[in-house]
C-alpha atoms as a PDB file:
ATOM      1  CA  MET A   1       2.832  -3.048 -16.433  1.00  0.00           C
ATOM      2  CA  SER A   2      -0.740  -1.557 -15.254  1.00  0.00           C
ATOM      3  CA  THR A   3      -0.981   1.418 -16.461  1.00  0.00           C
ATOM      4  CA  LYS A   4      -3.413   3.145 -13.824  1.00  0.00           C
ATOM      5  CA  TYR A   5      -1.565   5.465 -12.410  1.00  0.00           C
ATOM      6  CA  SER A   6      -0.468   7.780 -14.330  1.00  0.00           C
ATOM      7  CA  LYS A   7       2.731  10.089 -13.112  1.00  0.00           C
ATOM      8  CA  SER A   8       3.133  13.694 -13.594  1.00  0.00           C
ATOM      9  CA  ALA A   9       6.110  14.870 -15.142  1.00  0.00           C
ATOM     10  CA  ALA A  10       7.932  15.660 -11.607  1.00  0.00           C
ATOM     11  CA  PHE A  11       7.416  11.946 -10.511  1.00  0.00           C
ATOM     12  CA  ALA A  12       8.715  10.645 -13.880  1.00  0.00           C
ATOM     13  CA  ALA A  13      11.536  13.164 -13.359  1.00  0.00           C
ATOM     14  CA  THR A  14      11.843  11.354 -10.016  1.00  0.00           C
ATOM     15  CA  LEU A  15      11.754   8.128 -11.670  1.00  0.00           C
ATOM     16  CA  ALA A  16      14.803   8.916 -14.266  1.00  0.00           C
ATOM     17  CA  ALA A  17      16.476   9.954 -11.165  1.00  0.00           C
ATOM     18  CA  ALA A  18      16.635   7.253  -9.145  1.00  0.00           C
ATOM     19  CA  ALA A  19      16.968   4.678 -11.867  1.00  0.00           C
ATOM     20  CA  LEU A  20      20.025   6.787 -12.748  1.00  0.00           C
ATOM     21  CA  PHE A  21      21.175   6.188  -8.634  1.00  0.00           C
ATOM     22  CA  LEU A  22      20.129   2.244  -9.153  1.00  0.00           C
ATOM     23  CA  SER A  23      22.181   2.036 -11.641  1.00  0.00           C
ATOM     24  CA  ALA A  24      25.274   3.864 -10.505  1.00  0.00           C
ATOM     25  CA  CYS A  25      24.785   1.411  -7.384  1.00  0.00           C
ATOM     26  CA  ALA A  26      24.422  -1.357  -8.999  1.00  0.00           C
ATOM     27  CA  GLY A  27      27.746  -0.845 -11.840  1.00  0.00           C
ATOM     28  CA  THR A  28      25.106  -1.096 -15.024  1.00  0.00           C
ATOM     29  CA  THR A  29      26.341   0.491 -18.330  1.00  0.00           C
ATOM     30  CA  GLU A  30      25.058   2.708 -20.235  1.00  0.00           C
ATOM     31  CA  THR A  31      23.611  -0.076 -22.575  1.00  0.00           C
ATOM     32  CA  ASP A  32      21.735  -1.477 -19.342  1.00  0.00           C
ATOM     33  CA  GLU A  33      24.083  -4.453 -18.665  1.00  0.00           C
ATOM     34  CA  PRO A  34      23.768  -6.360 -15.525  1.00  0.00           C
ATOM     35  CA  ALA A  35      26.202  -5.711 -12.843  1.00  0.00           C
ATOM     36  CA  GLU A  36      30.020  -7.212 -13.304  1.00  0.00           C
ATOM     37  CA  GLY A  37      28.978 -10.656 -12.016  1.00  0.00           C
ATOM     38  CA  GLY A  38      25.859 -11.033 -12.218  1.00  0.00           C
ATOM     39  CA  GLU A  39      23.389 -12.148 -15.263  1.00  0.00           C
ATOM     40  CA  ALA A  40      20.882 -11.126 -18.100  1.00  0.00           C
ATOM     41  CA  LEU A  41      17.940 -12.790 -17.274  1.00  0.00           C
ATOM     42  CA  SER A  42      14.437 -12.762 -19.067  1.00  0.00           C
ATOM     43  CA  GLY A  43      11.442 -14.073 -18.473  1.00  0.00           C
ATOM     44  CA  ALA A  44       8.009 -12.661 -16.861  1.00  0.00           C
ATOM     45  CA  VAL A  45       7.430 -12.055 -13.035  1.00  0.00           C
ATOM     46  CA  VAL A  46       3.832 -12.011 -12.972  1.00  0.00           C
ATOM     47  CA  ILE A  47       1.981 -10.100 -10.086  1.00  0.00           C
ATOM     48  CA  ASP A  48      -1.085  -8.946  -8.440  1.00  0.00           C
ATOM     49  CA  GLY A  49      -3.212  -7.639  -5.605  1.00  0.00           C
ATOM     50  CA  SER A  50      -3.688  -4.633  -3.749  1.00  0.00           C
ATOM     51  CA  SER A  51      -4.174  -1.167  -5.031  1.00  0.00           C
ATOM     52  CA  THR A  52      -2.412   0.739  -2.385  1.00  0.00           C
ATOM     53  CA  VAL A  53       1.034  -1.351  -3.152  1.00  0.00           C
ATOM     54  CA  ALA A  54       0.581  -1.221  -6.680  1.00  0.00           C
ATOM     55  CA  PRO A  55       2.708   2.082  -7.311  1.00  0.00           C
ATOM     56  CA  ASN A  56       5.634   0.842  -5.396  1.00  0.00           C
ATOM     57  CA  THR A  57       5.889  -2.024  -6.382  1.00  0.00           C
ATOM     58  CA  GLU A  58       5.582  -0.130 -10.377  1.00  0.00           C
ATOM     59  CA  VAL A  59       7.784   1.936  -9.092  1.00  0.00           C
ATOM     60  CA  ALA A  60      10.587  -1.278  -7.884  1.00  0.00           C
ATOM     61  CA  ALA A  61       8.964  -2.637 -11.257  1.00  0.00           C
ATOM     62  CA  GLU A  62      10.321  -0.221 -14.041  1.00  0.00           C
ATOM     63  CA  LEU A  63      14.041   0.780 -11.582  1.00  0.00           C
ATOM     64  CA  PHE A  64      14.498  -3.121 -12.102  1.00  0.00           C
ATOM     65  CA  GLN A  65      13.707  -2.806 -15.491  1.00  0.00           C
ATOM     66  CA  GLU A  66      16.584   0.094 -16.012  1.00  0.00           C
ATOM     67  CA  VAL A  67      18.634  -3.688 -14.646  1.00  0.00           C
ATOM     68  CA  GLN A  68      17.376  -6.266 -16.027  1.00  0.00           C
ATOM     69  CA  PRO A  69      15.091  -4.777 -19.212  1.00  0.00           C
ATOM     70  CA  ASP A  70      14.448  -8.358 -20.888  1.00  0.00           C
ATOM     71  CA  VAL A  71      12.321  -9.276 -17.516  1.00  0.00           C
ATOM     72  CA  GLN A  72       8.533  -9.171 -17.966  1.00  0.00           C
ATOM     73  CA  VAL A  73       7.381  -7.836 -14.747  1.00  0.00           C
ATOM     74  CA  SER A  74       3.171  -6.905 -14.574  1.00  0.00           C
ATOM     75  CA  VAL A  75       1.952  -5.490 -12.039  1.00  0.00           C
ATOM     76  CA  GLY A  76      -1.884  -6.060 -11.992  1.00  0.00           C
ATOM     77  CA  VAL A  77      -5.084  -4.469  -9.248  1.00  0.00           C
ATOM     78  CA  SER A  78      -7.728  -7.110  -7.899  1.00  0.00           C
ATOM     79  CA  GLY A  79      -7.221  -5.808  -4.831  1.00  0.00           C
ATOM     80  CA  THR A  80      -5.289  -7.303  -1.572  1.00  0.00           C
ATOM     81  CA  GLY A  81      -7.961 -10.594  -1.162  1.00  0.00           C
ATOM     82  CA  GLY A  82      -8.725 -10.692  -4.982  1.00  0.00           C
ATOM     83  CA  GLY A  83      -5.246 -10.712  -5.064  1.00  0.00           C
ATOM     84  CA  PHE A  84      -5.301 -13.688  -2.586  1.00  0.00           C
ATOM     85  CA  GLU A  85      -7.328 -15.443  -4.593  1.00  0.00           C
ATOM     86  CA  LYS A  86      -5.394 -16.041  -7.822  1.00  0.00           C
ATOM     87  CA  PHE A  87      -2.213 -15.950  -5.554  1.00  0.00           C
ATOM     88  CA  CYS A  88      -3.349 -19.497  -3.636  1.00  0.00           C
ATOM     89  CA  ASN A  89      -5.020 -20.487  -7.222  1.00  0.00           C
ATOM     90  CA  GLY A  90      -1.381 -20.330  -8.554  1.00  0.00           C
ATOM     91  CA  GLU A  91      -2.411 -17.821 -10.940  1.00  0.00           C
ATOM     92  CA  THR A  92       0.384 -15.274 -10.162  1.00  0.00           C
ATOM     93  CA  ASP A  93       4.255 -15.370  -8.319  1.00  0.00           C
ATOM     94  CA  ILE A  94       3.291 -12.503  -5.940  1.00  0.00           C
ATOM     95  CA  SER A  95       1.040 -11.427  -4.556  1.00  0.00           C
ATOM     96  CA  GLU A  96       0.667  -7.453  -2.796  1.00  0.00           C
ATOM     97  CA  ALA A  97      -0.754  -6.585   0.357  1.00  0.00           C
ATOM     98  CA  SER A  98      -2.203  -3.939   2.294  1.00  0.00           C
ATOM     99  CA  ARG A  99      -2.970  -5.899   5.259  1.00  0.00           C
ATOM    100  CA  ARG A 100      -1.583  -9.548   6.694  1.00  0.00           C
ATOM    101  CA  ILE A 101      -1.953 -12.296   4.691  1.00  0.00           C
ATOM    102  CA  ALA A 102      -6.033 -13.961   6.989  1.00  0.00           C
ATOM    103  CA  ASP A 103      -6.205 -17.670   7.694  1.00  0.00           C
ATOM    104  CA  ASP A 104      -8.615 -18.408   5.344  1.00  0.00           C
ATOM    105  CA  GLU A 105      -6.469 -17.494   2.459  1.00  0.00           C
ATOM    106  CA  ILE A 106      -3.582 -19.196   4.147  1.00  0.00           C
ATOM    107  CA  ALA A 107      -5.504 -21.793   3.777  1.00  0.00           C
ATOM    108  CA  ALA A 108      -6.851 -21.689   0.848  1.00  0.00           C
ATOM    109  CA  CYS A 109      -3.014 -21.397  -0.040  1.00  0.00           C
ATOM    110  CA  GLU A 110      -2.234 -24.981   1.618  1.00  0.00           C
ATOM    111  CA  ALA A 111      -4.891 -26.581  -0.025  1.00  0.00           C
ATOM    112  CA  ASN A 112      -3.458 -25.524  -3.360  1.00  0.00           C
ATOM    113  CA  GLY A 113       0.325 -26.255  -2.130  1.00  0.00           C
ATOM    114  CA  ILE A 114       1.100 -23.276  -2.154  1.00  0.00           C
ATOM    115  CA  GLU A 115       4.091 -21.684   0.097  1.00  0.00           C
ATOM    116  CA  PHE A 116       4.735 -18.646   0.721  1.00  0.00           C
ATOM    117  CA  VAL A 117       7.271 -16.477   2.511  1.00  0.00           C
ATOM    118  CA  GLU A 118       5.897 -12.397   4.206  1.00  0.00           C
ATOM    119  CA  LEU A 119       7.862  -9.492   3.394  1.00  0.00           C
ATOM    120  CA  GLY A 120       7.102  -6.135   4.129  1.00  0.00           C
ATOM    121  CA  VAL A 121       8.573  -3.355   1.438  1.00  0.00           C
ATOM    122  CA  ALA A 122       7.649   0.216   2.870  1.00  0.00           C
ATOM    123  CA  ASN A 123       5.334   1.415   5.416  1.00  0.00           C
ATOM    124  CA  ASP A 124       2.025   3.412   4.670  1.00  0.00           C
ATOM    125  CA  GLY A 125      -0.875   4.787   6.981  1.00  0.00           C
ATOM    126  CA  LEU A 126      -4.364   5.247   6.139  1.00  0.00           C
ATOM    127  CA  ALA A 127      -5.568   8.466   6.270  1.00  0.00           C
ATOM    128  CA  VAL A 128      -9.183   9.969   7.328  1.00  0.00           C
ATOM    129  CA  VAL A 129     -10.305  12.711   4.521  1.00  0.00           C
ATOM    130  CA  VAL A 130     -12.417  15.942   4.961  1.00  0.00           C
ATOM    131  CA  ASN A 131     -13.211  18.597   1.979  1.00  0.00           C
ATOM    132  CA  PRO A 132     -10.891  21.730   2.473  1.00  0.00           C
ATOM    133  CA  GLU A 133     -14.295  23.237   3.544  1.00  0.00           C
ATOM    134  CA  ASN A 134     -14.627  21.291   6.109  1.00  0.00           C
ATOM    135  CA  ASP A 135     -13.246  24.180   8.810  1.00  0.00           C
ATOM    136  CA  PHE A 136     -13.940  22.634  12.337  1.00  0.00           C
ATOM    137  CA  VAL A 137     -12.030  19.031  12.590  1.00  0.00           C
ATOM    138  CA  ASP A 138      -9.121  19.307  13.343  1.00  0.00           C
ATOM    139  CA  CYS A 139      -8.374  16.163  15.189  1.00  0.00           C
ATOM    140  CA  LEU A 140     -11.275  13.594  15.708  1.00  0.00           C
ATOM    141  CA  THR A 141     -10.870  10.104  18.732  1.00  0.00           C
ATOM    142  CA  VAL A 142     -10.810   6.553  17.467  1.00  0.00           C
ATOM    143  CA  ASP A 143     -14.805   6.350  18.949  1.00  0.00           C
ATOM    144  CA  GLU A 144     -16.142   9.514  16.337  1.00  0.00           C
ATOM    145  CA  ILE A 145     -14.389   7.687  13.630  1.00  0.00           C
ATOM    146  CA  SER A 146     -16.103   5.474  14.471  1.00  0.00           C
ATOM    147  CA  SER A 147     -19.502   6.643  15.264  1.00  0.00           C
ATOM    148  CA  MET A 148     -19.340   7.833  11.370  1.00  0.00           C
ATOM    149  CA  TRP A 149     -18.248   4.153   9.991  1.00  0.00           C
ATOM    150  CA  ARG A 150     -20.114   1.372  12.791  1.00  0.00           C
ATOM    151  CA  PRO A 151     -22.418  -0.466  10.334  1.00  0.00           C
ATOM    152  CA  GLU A 152     -25.993  -0.260  13.714  1.00  0.00           C
ATOM    153  CA  ALA A 153     -26.957   3.863  13.546  1.00  0.00           C
ATOM    154  CA  PRO A 154     -24.539   5.253  12.096  1.00  0.00           C
ATOM    155  CA  VAL A 155     -24.790   9.223  12.799  1.00  0.00           C
ATOM    156  CA  THR A 156     -25.030  11.184   9.327  1.00  0.00           C
ATOM    157  CA  ASN A 157     -24.566  14.270  10.881  1.00  0.00           C
ATOM    158  CA  TRP A 158     -21.079  16.418  11.450  1.00  0.00           C
ATOM    159  CA  ALA A 159     -23.509  17.848  14.639  1.00  0.00           C
ATOM    160  CA  ASP A 160     -24.684  14.439  16.441  1.00  0.00           C
ATOM    161  CA  VAL A 161     -20.442  12.972  15.937  1.00  0.00           C
ATOM    162  CA  ARG A 162     -19.667  15.994  18.258  1.00  0.00           C
ATOM    163  CA  ALA A 163     -20.878  18.723  20.128  1.00  0.00           C
ATOM    164  CA  GLY A 164     -20.272  22.296  18.826  1.00  0.00           C
ATOM    165  CA  PHE A 165     -20.489  20.906  15.220  1.00  0.00           C
ATOM    166  CA  PRO A 166     -22.194  22.499  12.825  1.00  0.00           C
ATOM    167  CA  ASP A 167     -25.745  20.834  11.439  1.00  0.00           C
ATOM    168  CA  LEU A 168     -23.962  19.862   8.595  1.00  0.00           C
ATOM    169  CA  GLU A 169     -24.581  16.141   6.131  1.00  0.00           C
ATOM    170  CA  ILE A 170     -21.889  13.520   5.964  1.00  0.00           C
ATOM    171  CA  THR A 171     -21.654  11.571   2.815  1.00  0.00           C
ATOM    172  CA  LEU A 172     -18.555   8.983   2.814  1.00  0.00           C
ATOM    173  CA  TYR A 173     -16.928   7.087   0.564  1.00  0.00           C
ATOM    174  CA  GLY A 174     -14.397   4.138   0.640  1.00  0.00           C
ATOM    175  CA  PRO A 175     -12.616   1.498  -1.153  1.00  0.00           C
ATOM    176  CA  GLY A 176     -15.084  -1.960  -1.740  1.00  0.00           C
ATOM    177  CA  THR A 177     -14.733  -5.672   0.553  1.00  0.00           C
ATOM    178  CA  ASP A 178     -11.418  -6.631  -1.641  1.00  0.00           C
ATOM    179  CA  SER A 179      -9.347  -4.037   0.359  1.00  0.00           C
ATOM    180  CA  GLY A 180      -6.676  -5.057   2.552  1.00  0.00           C
ATOM    181  CA  THR A 181      -7.502  -1.401   3.234  1.00  0.00           C
ATOM    182  CA  PHE A 182     -11.420  -1.793   3.901  1.00  0.00           C
ATOM    183  CA  ASP A 183     -10.181  -4.751   6.662  1.00  0.00           C
ATOM    184  CA  PHE A 184      -8.050  -2.742   8.251  1.00  0.00           C
ATOM    185  CA  PHE A 185      -9.719   0.333   8.445  1.00  0.00           C
ATOM    186  CA  THR A 186     -12.808  -1.235   9.515  1.00  0.00           C
ATOM    187  CA  ASP A 187     -10.558  -4.378  12.140  1.00  0.00           C
ATOM    188  CA  GLU A 188      -8.975  -1.707  14.007  1.00  0.00           C
ATOM    189  CA  ILE A 189     -11.633   1.603  14.002  1.00  0.00           C
ATOM    190  CA  ASN A 190     -14.935  -0.315  14.243  1.00  0.00           C
ATOM    191  CA  GLY A 191     -13.629  -3.470  15.696  1.00  0.00           C
ATOM    192  CA  ASP A 192     -14.157  -5.993  13.808  1.00  0.00           C
ATOM    193  CA  SER A 193     -12.703  -6.841  10.184  1.00  0.00           C
ATOM    194  CA  GLY A 194     -15.577  -5.786   7.639  1.00  0.00           C
ATOM    195  CA  ALA A 195     -18.282  -4.145   9.653  1.00  0.00           C
ATOM    196  CA  ILE A 196     -18.993  -0.804   8.237  1.00  0.00           C
ATOM    197  CA  ASN A 197     -22.094   1.667   7.736  1.00  0.00           C
ATOM    198  CA  PRO A 198     -23.966   0.019   5.061  1.00  0.00           C
ATOM    199  CA  ALA A 199     -24.874   4.065   3.107  1.00  0.00           C
ATOM    200  CA  TYR A 200     -21.119   4.204   2.667  1.00  0.00           C
ATOM    201  CA  ASN A 201     -19.917   4.847  -1.069  1.00  0.00           C
ATOM    202  CA  ASP A 202     -18.209   2.122  -2.477  1.00  0.00           C
ATOM    203  CA  ILE A 203     -15.099   3.092  -5.356  1.00  0.00           C
ATOM    204  CA  GLY A 204     -13.997   0.223  -5.511  1.00  0.00           C
ATOM    205  CA  GLU A 205     -10.243  -0.058  -5.832  1.00  0.00           C
ATOM    206  CA  ASP A 206      -9.959   3.174  -6.910  1.00  0.00           C
ATOM    207  CA  ASP A 207      -8.631   5.247  -4.134  1.00  0.00           C
ATOM    208  CA  ASN A 208      -8.986   8.369  -6.393  1.00  0.00           C
ATOM    209  CA  ALA A 209     -12.699   8.503  -6.624  1.00  0.00           C
ATOM    210  CA  ALA A 210     -12.806   9.019  -3.069  1.00  0.00           C
ATOM    211  CA  VAL A 211     -10.241  11.878  -3.783  1.00  0.00           C
ATOM    212  CA  LEU A 212     -13.041  12.857  -5.511  1.00  0.00           C
ATOM    213  CA  GLY A 213     -16.143  12.306  -4.228  1.00  0.00           C
ATOM    214  CA  VAL A 214     -14.128  14.339  -0.887  1.00  0.00           C
ATOM    215  CA  ALA A 215     -14.091  16.845  -3.081  1.00  0.00           C
ATOM    216  CA  GLY A 216     -17.570  17.670  -4.359  1.00  0.00           C
ATOM    217  CA  ALA A 217     -19.017  18.757  -1.005  1.00  0.00           C
ATOM    218  CA  PRO A 218     -18.132  20.346   2.582  1.00  0.00           C
ATOM    219  CA  GLY A 219     -19.518  17.541   4.619  1.00  0.00           C
ATOM    220  CA  ASN A 220     -18.174  14.501   2.538  1.00  0.00           C
ATOM    221  CA  SER A 221     -14.805  11.906   4.132  1.00  0.00           C
ATOM    222  CA  ALA A 222     -13.409   9.294   3.021  1.00  0.00           C
ATOM    223  CA  PHE A 223     -10.496   6.836   4.770  1.00  0.00           C
ATOM    224  CA  ILE A 224      -7.498   6.544   2.118  1.00  0.00           C
ATOM    225  CA  PRO A 225      -3.440   5.550   1.991  1.00  0.00           C
ATOM    226  CA  LEU A 226      -1.918   8.501   2.914  1.00  0.00           C
ATOM    227  CA  SER A 227       0.221   8.060  -0.002  1.00  0.00           C
ATOM    228  CA  PHE A 228      -2.429   9.251  -2.228  1.00  0.00           C
ATOM    229  CA  VAL A 229      -2.993  12.455   0.245  1.00  0.00           C
ATOM    230  CA  GLU A 230      -0.084  13.972  -1.212  1.00  0.00           C
ATOM    231  CA  ALA A 231      -0.719  13.353  -4.855  1.00  0.00           C
ATOM    232  CA  ALA A 232      -4.473  14.633  -4.234  1.00  0.00           C
ATOM    233  CA  GLY A 233      -3.104  17.872  -3.204  1.00  0.00           C
ATOM    234  CA  ASP A 234      -5.327  20.972  -2.071  1.00  0.00           C
ATOM    235  CA  GLN A 235      -8.754  18.402  -2.874  1.00  0.00           C
ATOM    236  CA  VAL A 236      -8.831  17.021   0.301  1.00  0.00           C
ATOM    237  CA  ARG A 237      -6.735  17.511   3.763  1.00  0.00           C
ATOM    238  CA  ALA A 238      -6.329  15.032   6.742  1.00  0.00           C
ATOM    239  CA  ILE A 239      -7.001  14.845   9.758  1.00  0.00           C
ATOM    240  CA  ALA A 240      -4.961  14.553  13.099  1.00  0.00           C
ATOM    241  CA  ILE A 241      -6.082  11.151  15.396  1.00  0.00           C
ATOM    242  CA  GLU A 242      -5.997  11.291  18.874  1.00  0.00           C
ATOM    243  CA  ASN A 243      -3.814   7.985  19.572  1.00  0.00           C
ATOM    244  CA  GLU A 244      -3.625   5.528  22.528  1.00  0.00           C
ATOM    245  CA  ALA A 245      -1.877   7.617  24.759  1.00  0.00           C
ATOM    246  CA  GLY A 246      -4.805  10.335  24.317  1.00  0.00           C
ATOM    247  CA  GLU A 247      -2.706  12.956  21.805  1.00  0.00           C
ATOM    248  CA  CYS A 248      -3.734  14.206  18.693  1.00  0.00           C
ATOM    249  CA  VAL A 249      -0.764  13.355  15.856  1.00  0.00           C
ATOM    250  CA  GLU A 250      -1.660  13.820  12.102  1.00  0.00           C
ATOM    251  CA  PRO A 251      -0.424  11.013   9.700  1.00  0.00           C
ATOM    252  CA  SER A 252       3.020  11.201   8.066  1.00  0.00           C
ATOM    253  CA  LEU A 253       6.252   9.630   7.089  1.00  0.00           C
ATOM    254  CA  ASP A 254       8.053  10.468  11.167  1.00  0.00           C
ATOM    255  CA  THR A 255       4.838   9.890  12.587  1.00  0.00           C
ATOM    256  CA  VAL A 256       3.831   6.475  10.731  1.00  0.00           C
ATOM    257  CA  LEU A 257       7.589   5.478  11.625  1.00  0.00           C
ATOM    258  CA  THR A 258       7.455   6.094  14.996  1.00  0.00           C
ATOM    259  CA  GLY A 259       4.203   4.487  15.490  1.00  0.00           C
ATOM    260  CA  GLU A 260       2.692   7.615  17.101  1.00  0.00           C
ATOM    261  CA  TYR A 261       0.669   7.711  14.575  1.00  0.00           C
ATOM    262  CA  ASN A 262      -2.194   4.776  15.834  1.00  0.00           C
ATOM    263  CA  PRO A 263      -4.186   2.541  15.097  1.00  0.00           C
ATOM    264  CA  LEU A 264      -3.888   4.255  11.086  1.00  0.00           C
ATOM    265  CA  GLY A 265       0.122   2.426  10.534  1.00  0.00           C
ATOM    266  CA  ARG A 266       0.821  -0.268   8.919  1.00  0.00           C
ATOM    267  CA  GLN A 267       2.900  -1.502   6.827  1.00  0.00           C
ATOM    268  CA  LEU A 268       2.401  -2.529   3.261  1.00  0.00           C
ATOM    269  CA  PHE A 269       3.397  -6.452   2.315  1.00  0.00           C
ATOM    270  CA  VAL A 270       3.568  -8.469  -0.979  1.00  0.00           C
ATOM    271  CA  TYR A 271       3.667 -12.654  -0.874  1.00  0.00           C
ATOM    272  CA  PRO A 272       6.010 -14.764  -2.862  1.00  0.00           C
ATOM    273  CA  SER A 273       5.645 -18.165  -3.553  1.00  0.00           C
ATOM    274  CA  ALA A 274       8.052 -20.862  -3.358  1.00  0.00           C
ATOM    275  CA  GLU A 275       7.322 -22.551  -6.720  1.00  0.00           C
ATOM    276  CA  ALA A 276       7.488 -18.621  -8.156  1.00  0.00           C
ATOM    277  CA  LEU A 277      11.446 -17.664  -6.127  1.00  0.00           C
ATOM    278  CA  THR A 278      12.796 -21.153  -7.910  1.00  0.00           C
ATOM    279  CA  LYS A 279      12.335 -18.890 -10.737  1.00  0.00           C
ATOM    280  CA  PRO A 280      15.515 -16.714 -11.097  1.00  0.00           C
ATOM    281  CA  GLN A 281      14.202 -13.665 -12.772  1.00  0.00           C
ATOM    282  CA  VAL A 282      11.062 -13.405  -9.690  1.00  0.00           C
ATOM    283  CA  LEU A 283      14.507 -14.525  -7.231  1.00  0.00           C
ATOM    284  CA  ALA A 284      16.605 -11.620  -8.561  1.00  0.00           C
ATOM    285  CA  PHE A 285      13.793  -9.057  -8.490  1.00  0.00           C
ATOM    286  CA  LEU A 286      12.124  -9.306  -4.610  1.00  0.00           C
ATOM    287  CA  GLU A 287      16.305  -8.929  -4.752  1.00  0.00           C
ATOM    288  CA  PHE A 288      15.934  -5.672  -5.830  1.00  0.00           C
ATOM    289  CA  TYR A 289      12.753  -4.646  -4.245  1.00  0.00           C
ATOM    290  CA  ILE A 290      14.073  -5.326  -0.673  1.00  0.00           C
ATOM    291  CA  THR A 291      17.676  -3.860  -0.889  1.00  0.00           C
ATOM    292  CA  ASN A 292      16.822  -0.794  -2.454  1.00  0.00           C
ATOM    293  CA  GLN A 293      13.513  -0.655  -0.682  1.00  0.00           C
ATOM    294  CA  ALA A 294      14.521   3.127   0.572  1.00  0.00           C
ATOM    295  CA  THR A 295      14.688   4.846  -2.813  1.00  0.00           C
ATOM    296  CA  ILE A 296      11.510   3.025  -3.981  1.00  0.00           C
ATOM    297  CA  ALA A 297       9.432   3.867  -1.449  1.00  0.00           C
ATOM    298  CA  GLU A 298      10.001   7.401  -1.524  1.00  0.00           C
ATOM    299  CA  THR A 299       9.921   7.862  -5.345  1.00  0.00           C
ATOM    300  CA  ALA A 300       6.968   5.951  -4.958  1.00  0.00           C
ATOM    301  CA  GLY A 301       5.770   8.364  -2.237  1.00  0.00           C
ATOM    302  CA  PHE A 302       5.554   5.508   0.613  1.00  0.00           C
ATOM    303  CA  ILE A 303       7.517   5.710   3.860  1.00  0.00           C
ATOM    304  CA  PRO A 304      10.700   2.882   3.906  1.00  0.00           C
ATOM    305  CA  LEU A 305      11.177   0.897   5.738  1.00  0.00           C
ATOM    306  CA  ASN A 306      13.319   0.746   8.999  1.00  0.00           C
ATOM    307  CA  ASP A 307      16.458  -0.940   9.468  1.00  0.00           C
ATOM    308  CA  ASP A 308      14.701  -3.938  11.908  1.00  0.00           C
ATOM    309  CA  GLN A 309      11.896  -4.371   9.051  1.00  0.00           C
ATOM    310  CA  GLU A 310      14.397  -4.482   6.309  1.00  0.00           C
ATOM    311  CA  ALA A 311      16.260  -7.457   8.083  1.00  0.00           C
ATOM    312  CA  GLU A 312      13.263  -8.857   8.963  1.00  0.00           C
ATOM    313  CA  ALA A 313      12.180  -9.281   5.399  1.00  0.00           C
ATOM    314  CA  LEU A 314      15.407  -9.612   4.351  1.00  0.00           C
ATOM    315  CA  ALA A 315      15.761 -12.717   6.393  1.00  0.00           C
ATOM    316  CA  ALA A 316      11.964 -14.226   5.552  1.00  0.00           C
ATOM    317  CA  LEU A 317      13.443 -13.963   2.174  1.00  0.00           C
ATOM    318  CA  GLN A 318      16.480 -15.893   2.432  1.00  0.00           C
ATOM    319  CA  SER A 319      14.450 -18.775   5.289  1.00  0.00           C
ATOM    320  CA  LEU A 320      13.633 -19.849   2.686  1.00  0.00           C
ATOM    321  CA  VAL A 321      15.536 -20.054  -1.038  1.00  0.00           C
ATOM    322  CA  GLY A 322      18.658 -19.768   0.968  1.00  0.00           C
ATOM    323  CA  TYR A 323      21.177 -17.315   0.308  1.00  0.00           C
ATOM    324  CA  GLY A 324      21.849 -18.085  -3.292  1.00  0.00           C
ATOM    325  CA  LEU A 325      20.222 -14.740  -4.779  1.00  0.00           C
ATOM    326  CA  ALA A 326      20.908 -13.603  -8.249  1.00  0.00           C
ATOM    327  CA  ARG A 327      22.971 -10.005  -7.407  1.00  0.00           C
ATOM    328  CA  VAL A 328      22.059  -7.659  -9.814  1.00  0.00           C
END
């Protein structure tokens, strides 16, 4: 399993508590035997894709392995685009994505005979963050954010973002072009996926590098997944965004779920292939992931699916394989 995301003692304690809770719900024993009527499984589950979704999936994998210890679940981080490239080449069982699969990626999968299903696993938002010493920005409009991030004639000083802001140089940080976070942000803020200020600092798939960059100087800013904001502590400050109703709304669990935090609230996904779903261990892992999504998301610092989203994800899984799902 990927070790990119180190866990604090507090997180480890939360994970252990979640494992005990899920084991109790599943009826497992102290020796990690599967629940009565279940089946002991083995084999591999190979996952790659979004660096945003990976922490959530890693928690799902660790909790699943409390129930099925002989299943090896690996979670790679190639970015949403890089993950889909591997997936459509048949190299992985499941692809993680912080955006929906694009038309060219669908075509690549079809060309290689890869059938798949889209499953929502959690909700998240993108936060625009500034340095904590920045005490003049509380809320920005989409147009003001775009003025810094647009590809043509972006502003480079906070004084040019809004009258009354100080004369302070702006330095920007964000993920690379393989990232679904990059695609989502540029589409929602600049109106065109991939359109971005060419002078921004590309931090690849390491959102922690964006946090460190913003923490480096008072004028710095970035966009990062909301799940990384809490982990960043006092290194950065998330600002409110004016939504389509003209209200300044801060990113949070509640505002993402209610839809008030727009346009930067989003759902996160996994895409299993039809061939992978013929493997009992993959099918069991996905059923575990969806049916325990609330505990998994909360443990990993994400926002659970609402009831409708969870029902939609289970229905999508069932539509491809029928409901012969293995109970774990």
